[in-house]
């Protein structure tokens, strides 16, 4: 029997159909497979098990990497907090030493330098609002004048 030559499109279609047929047969529960197909069934089963094991190992490796990164971030945050606490304690100790020196020398005009990180920026005084109708002073969040009821812009 001679082998038939197929066009590339026909060959591709036949290959897809053979694949679908084999998959359907394999997934059908191995109902009395032909003995010559048993090695193929075994090979397919082995490949699927290997792929599942590799996927599970990859997922475990991903989770381990995430856990390691989280642990490193936690340690870095703890180290940063410890460093900030150390700096605050040093600043407090320096301020206490300066106060002791000022008290020991009797220098009432001695100033203690504050930690520049702890300085608060100067606050702007709240802008005063006035009613354009009657001239009464208004609270900062007023929507209407308390005196004449005129709407505030």
C-alpha atoms as a PDB file:
ATOM      1  CA  UNK A   1       0.000   0.000   0.000  1.00  0.00           C
ATOM      2  CA  UNK A   2       1.510   3.324  -1.032  1.00  0.00           C
ATOM      3  CA  UNK A   3       1.516   6.351   1.214  1.00  0.00           C
ATOM      4  CA  UNK A   4      -0.768   9.132   0.081  1.00  0.00           C
ATOM      5  CA  UNK A   5       0.675  12.597  -0.323  1.00  0.00           C
ATOM      6  CA  UNK A   6      -1.434  15.295   1.295  1.00  0.00           C
ATOM      7  CA  UNK A   7      -1.379  19.042   0.898  1.00  0.00           C
ATOM      8  CA  UNK A   8       0.105  20.882   3.878  1.00  0.00           C
ATOM      9  CA  UNK A   9      -3.327  22.162   4.941  1.00  0.00           C
ATOM     10  CA  UNK A  10      -4.863  18.676   4.696  1.00  0.00           C
ATOM     11  CA  UNK A  11      -1.873  17.178   6.576  1.00  0.00           C
ATOM     12  CA  UNK A  12      -2.294  19.745   9.371  1.00  0.00           C
ATOM     13  CA  UNK A  13      -6.019  19.059   9.621  1.00  0.00           C
ATOM     14  CA  UNK A  14      -5.436  15.287   9.778  1.00  0.00           C
ATOM     15  CA  UNK A  15      -2.787  15.764  12.478  1.00  0.00           C
ATOM     16  CA  UNK A  16      -5.221  17.852  14.571  1.00  0.00           C
ATOM     17  CA  UNK A  17      -7.956  15.219  14.151  1.00  0.00           C
ATOM     18  CA  UNK A  18      -5.586  12.403  15.139  1.00  0.00           C
ATOM     19  CA  UNK A  19      -4.586  14.403  18.201  1.00  0.00           C
ATOM     20  CA  UNK A  20      -8.226  14.998  19.192  1.00  0.00           C
ATOM     21  CA  UNK A  21      -9.062  11.338  18.616  1.00  0.00           C
ATOM     22  CA  UNK A  22      -6.130  10.170  20.728  1.00  0.00           C
ATOM     23  CA  UNK A  23      -6.943  12.605  23.517  1.00  0.00           C
ATOM     24  CA  UNK A  24     -10.598  11.544  23.550  1.00  0.00           C
ATOM     25  CA  UNK A  25      -9.574   7.884  23.621  1.00  0.00           C
ATOM     26  CA  UNK A  26      -7.004   8.480  26.393  1.00  0.00           C
ATOM     27  CA  UNK A  27      -9.392  10.533  28.525  1.00  0.00           C
ATOM     28  CA  UNK A  28     -12.162   7.999  27.959  1.00  0.00           C
ATOM     29  CA  UNK A  29     -10.782   5.833  30.720  1.00  0.00           C
ATOM     30  CA  UNK A  30      -8.589   3.365  28.842  1.00  0.00           C
ATOM     31  CA  UNK A  31     -11.495   1.076  28.025  1.00  0.00           C
ATOM     32  CA  UNK A  32      -9.732  -1.979  26.657  1.00  0.00           C
ATOM     33  CA  UNK A  33      -6.937  -0.160  24.824  1.00  0.00           C
ATOM     34  CA  UNK A  34      -5.112  -1.991  22.111  1.00  0.00           C
ATOM     35  CA  UNK A  35      -1.965  -3.591  23.519  1.00  0.00           C
ATOM     36  CA  UNK A  36       0.270  -1.670  21.102  1.00  0.00           C
ATOM     37  CA  UNK A  37      -1.128   1.609  22.514  1.00  0.00           C
ATOM     38  CA  UNK A  38      -0.274   0.843  26.140  1.00  0.00           C
ATOM     39  CA  UNK A  39       3.256   2.331  25.921  1.00  0.00           C
ATOM     40  CA  UNK A  40       1.743   5.553  24.562  1.00  0.00           C
ATOM     41  CA  UNK A  41      -0.780   5.660  27.412  1.00  0.00           C
ATOM     42  CA  UNK A  42       2.026   5.122  29.931  1.00  0.00           C
ATOM     43  CA  UNK A  43       4.153   7.840  28.341  1.00  0.00           C
ATOM     44  CA  UNK A  44       1.242  10.329  28.339  1.00  0.00           C
ATOM     45  CA  UNK A  45       0.452   9.537  31.988  1.00  0.00           C
ATOM     46  CA  UNK A  46       4.117  10.008  32.921  1.00  0.00           C
ATOM     47  CA  UNK A  47       4.399  13.323  31.078  1.00  0.00           C
ATOM     48  CA  UNK A  48       1.246  14.657  32.726  1.00  0.00           C
ATOM     49  CA  UNK A  49       2.479  13.628  36.189  1.00  0.00           C
ATOM     50  CA  UNK A  50       5.863  15.228  35.509  1.00  0.00           C
ATOM     51  CA  UNK A  51       4.216  18.487  34.347  1.00  0.00           C
ATOM     52  CA  UNK A  52       2.034  18.580  37.468  1.00  0.00           C
ATOM     53  CA  UNK A  53       5.047  17.981  39.724  1.00  0.00           C
ATOM     54  CA  UNK A  54       7.013  20.749  37.965  1.00  0.00           C
ATOM     55  CA  UNK A  55       4.087  23.168  38.315  1.00  0.00           C
ATOM     56  CA  UNK A  56       3.774  22.334  42.019  1.00  0.00           C
ATOM     57  CA  UNK A  57       7.517  22.822  42.555  1.00  0.00           C
ATOM     58  CA  UNK A  58       7.423  26.160  40.712  1.00  0.00           C
ATOM     59  CA  UNK A  59       4.510  27.336  42.871  1.00  0.00           C
ATOM     60  CA  UNK A  60       6.333  26.291  46.057  1.00  0.00           C
ATOM     61  CA  UNK A  61       9.473  28.111  44.893  1.00  0.00           C
ATOM     62  CA  UNK A  62       7.414  31.239  44.155  1.00  0.00           C
ATOM     63  CA  UNK A  63       5.809  31.116  47.606  1.00  0.00           C
ATOM     64  CA  UNK A  64       9.206  30.605  49.246  1.00  0.00           C
ATOM     65  CA  UNK A  65      10.622  33.601  47.371  1.00  0.00           C
ATOM     66  CA  UNK A  66       7.661  35.742  48.448  1.00  0.00           C
ATOM     67  CA  UNK A  67       8.090  34.651  52.066  1.00  0.00           C
ATOM     68  CA  UNK A  68      11.819  35.430  51.933  1.00  0.00           C
ATOM     69  CA  UNK A  69      11.153  38.889  50.465  1.00  0.00           C
ATOM     70  CA  UNK A  70       8.536  39.587  53.144  1.00  0.00           C
ATOM     71  CA  UNK A  71      10.948  38.500  55.875  1.00  0.00           C
ATOM     72  CA  UNK A  72      13.711  40.715  54.453  1.00  0.00           C
ATOM     73  CA  UNK A  73      11.307  43.677  54.295  1.00  0.00           C
ATOM     74  CA  UNK A  74      10.254  43.044  57.913  1.00  0.00           C
ATOM     75  CA  UNK A  75      13.894  42.907  59.055  1.00  0.00           C
ATOM     76  CA  UNK A  76      14.699  46.105  57.139  1.00  0.00           C
ATOM     77  CA  UNK A  77      11.753  47.879  58.777  1.00  0.00           C
ATOM     78  CA  UNK A  78      12.868  46.684  62.217  1.00  0.00           C
ATOM     79  CA  UNK A  79      16.418  47.858  61.535  1.00  0.00           C
ATOM     80  CA  UNK A  80      15.167  51.258  60.395  1.00  0.00           C
ATOM     81  CA  UNK A  81      12.981  51.611  63.492  1.00  0.00           C
ATOM     82  CA  UNK A  82      15.905  50.629  65.726  1.00  0.00           C
ATOM     83  CA  UNK A  83      18.176  53.169  64.016  1.00  0.00           C
ATOM     84  CA  UNK A  84      15.559  55.919  64.430  1.00  0.00           C
ATOM     85  CA  UNK A  85      15.158  55.004  68.112  1.00  0.00           C
ATOM     86  CA  UNK A  86      18.949  55.079  68.553  1.00  0.00           C
ATOM     87  CA  UNK A  87      19.157  58.534  66.938  1.00  0.00           C
ATOM     88  CA  UNK A  88      16.315  59.830  69.099  1.00  0.00           C
ATOM     89  CA  UNK A  89      18.026  58.485  72.239  1.00  0.00           C
ATOM     90  CA  UNK A  90      21.326  60.120  71.204  1.00  0.00           C
ATOM     91  CA  UNK A  91      19.556  63.441  70.607  1.00  0.00           C
ATOM     92  CA  UNK A  92      17.816  63.175  73.963  1.00  0.00           C
ATOM     93  CA  UNK A  93      21.110  62.382  75.702  1.00  0.00           C
ATOM     94  CA  UNK A  94      22.824  65.319  73.968  1.00  0.00           C
ATOM     95  CA  UNK A  95      20.025  67.655  75.044  1.00  0.00           C
ATOM     96  CA  UNK A  96      20.276  66.382  78.615  1.00  0.00           C
ATOM     97  CA  UNK A  97      24.071  66.898  78.621  1.00  0.00           C
ATOM     98  CA  UNK A  98      23.643  70.435  77.278  1.00  0.00           C
ATOM     99  CA  UNK A  99      21.062  71.189  79.965  1.00  0.00           C
ATOM    100  CA  UNK A 100      23.373  69.823  82.647  1.00  0.00           C
ATOM    101  CA  UNK A 101      26.271  71.904  81.338  1.00  0.00           C
ATOM    102  CA  UNK A 102      24.105  75.017  81.246  1.00  0.00           C
ATOM    103  CA  UNK A 103      22.930  74.360  84.799  1.00  0.00           C
ATOM    104  CA  UNK A 104      26.482  73.673  85.974  1.00  0.00           C
ATOM    105  CA  UNK A 105      27.840  76.891  84.496  1.00  0.00           C
ATOM    106  CA  UNK A 106      24.817  78.918  85.560  1.00  0.00           C
ATOM    107  CA  UNK A 107      24.333  80.104  81.989  1.00  0.00           C
ATOM    108  CA  UNK A 108      20.610  80.799  81.816  1.00  0.00           C
ATOM    109  CA  UNK A 109      20.881  82.011  78.227  1.00  0.00           C
ATOM    110  CA  UNK A 110      22.269  78.682  76.978  1.00  0.00           C
ATOM    111  CA  UNK A 111      20.124  77.220  74.281  1.00  0.00           C
ATOM    112  CA  UNK A 112      19.648  73.586  73.557  1.00  0.00           C
ATOM    113  CA  UNK A 113      19.632  72.699  69.896  1.00  0.00           C
ATOM    114  CA  UNK A 114      16.645  70.607  68.930  1.00  0.00           C
ATOM    115  CA  UNK A 115      16.913  67.650  66.606  1.00  0.00           C
ATOM    116  CA  UNK A 116      16.305  69.141  63.124  1.00  0.00           C
ATOM    117  CA  UNK A 117      14.180  66.124  62.207  1.00  0.00           C
ATOM    118  CA  UNK A 118      11.831  66.917  65.095  1.00  0.00           C
ATOM    119  CA  UNK A 119      11.347  70.585  64.262  1.00  0.00           C
ATOM    120  CA  UNK A 120       7.830  71.524  63.250  1.00  0.00           C
ATOM    121  CA  UNK A 121       7.360  74.009  60.440  1.00  0.00           C
ATOM    122  CA  UNK A 122       5.856  77.353  61.446  1.00  0.00           C
ATOM    123  CA  UNK A 123       2.071  77.428  61.189  1.00  0.00           C
ATOM    124  CA  UNK A 124       0.382  80.096  59.088  1.00  0.00           C
ATOM    125  CA  UNK A 125      -2.267  82.003  60.985  1.00  0.00           C
ATOM    126  CA  UNK A 126      -5.746  81.285  59.710  1.00  0.00           C
ATOM    127  CA  UNK A 127      -6.971  83.876  57.235  1.00  0.00           C
ATOM    128  CA  UNK A 128      -9.856  85.884  58.633  1.00  0.00           C
ATOM    129  CA  UNK A 129     -13.095  85.935  56.695  1.00  0.00           C
ATOM    130  CA  UNK A 130     -15.501  88.836  56.627  1.00  0.00           C
ATOM    131  CA  UNK A 131     -19.090  89.060  55.437  1.00  0.00           C
ATOM    132  CA  UNK A 132     -19.337  91.174  52.278  1.00  0.00           C
ATOM    133  CA  UNK A 133     -22.916  92.186  53.193  1.00  0.00           C
ATOM    134  CA  UNK A 134     -22.638  93.365  56.808  1.00  0.00           C
ATOM    135  CA  UNK A 135     -18.897  93.232  57.587  1.00  0.00           C
ATOM    136  CA  UNK A 136     -19.130  90.701  60.451  1.00  0.00           C
ATOM    137  CA  UNK A 137     -16.152  88.459  61.117  1.00  0.00           C
ATOM    138  CA  UNK A 138     -16.880  84.859  60.098  1.00  0.00           C
ATOM    139  CA  UNK A 139     -15.557  81.492  61.198  1.00  0.00           C
ATOM    140  CA  UNK A 140     -13.162  79.765  58.820  1.00  0.00           C
ATOM    141  CA  UNK A 141     -15.666  77.137  57.632  1.00  0.00           C
ATOM    142  CA  UNK A 142     -18.762  79.365  57.576  1.00  0.00           C
ATOM    143  CA  UNK A 143     -21.131  78.958  54.631  1.00  0.00           C
ATOM    144  CA  UNK A 144     -23.441  81.777  55.739  1.00  0.00           C
ATOM    145  CA  UNK A 145     -22.945  84.931  57.801  1.00  0.00           C
ATOM    146  CA  UNK A 146     -23.998  84.386  61.407  1.00  0.00           C
ATOM    147  CA  UNK A 147     -25.290  87.963  61.613  1.00  0.00           C
ATOM    148  CA  UNK A 148     -27.220  88.619  58.400  1.00  0.00           C
ATOM    149  CA  UNK A 149     -27.456  85.144  56.787  1.00  0.00           C
ATOM    150  CA  UNK A 150     -25.713  86.242  53.584  1.00  0.00           C
ATOM    151  CA  UNK A 151     -24.066  83.312  51.709  1.00  0.00           C
ATOM    152  CA  UNK A 152     -20.259  83.244  52.003  1.00  0.00           C
ATOM    153  CA  UNK A 153     -18.218  82.647  48.885  1.00  0.00           C
END
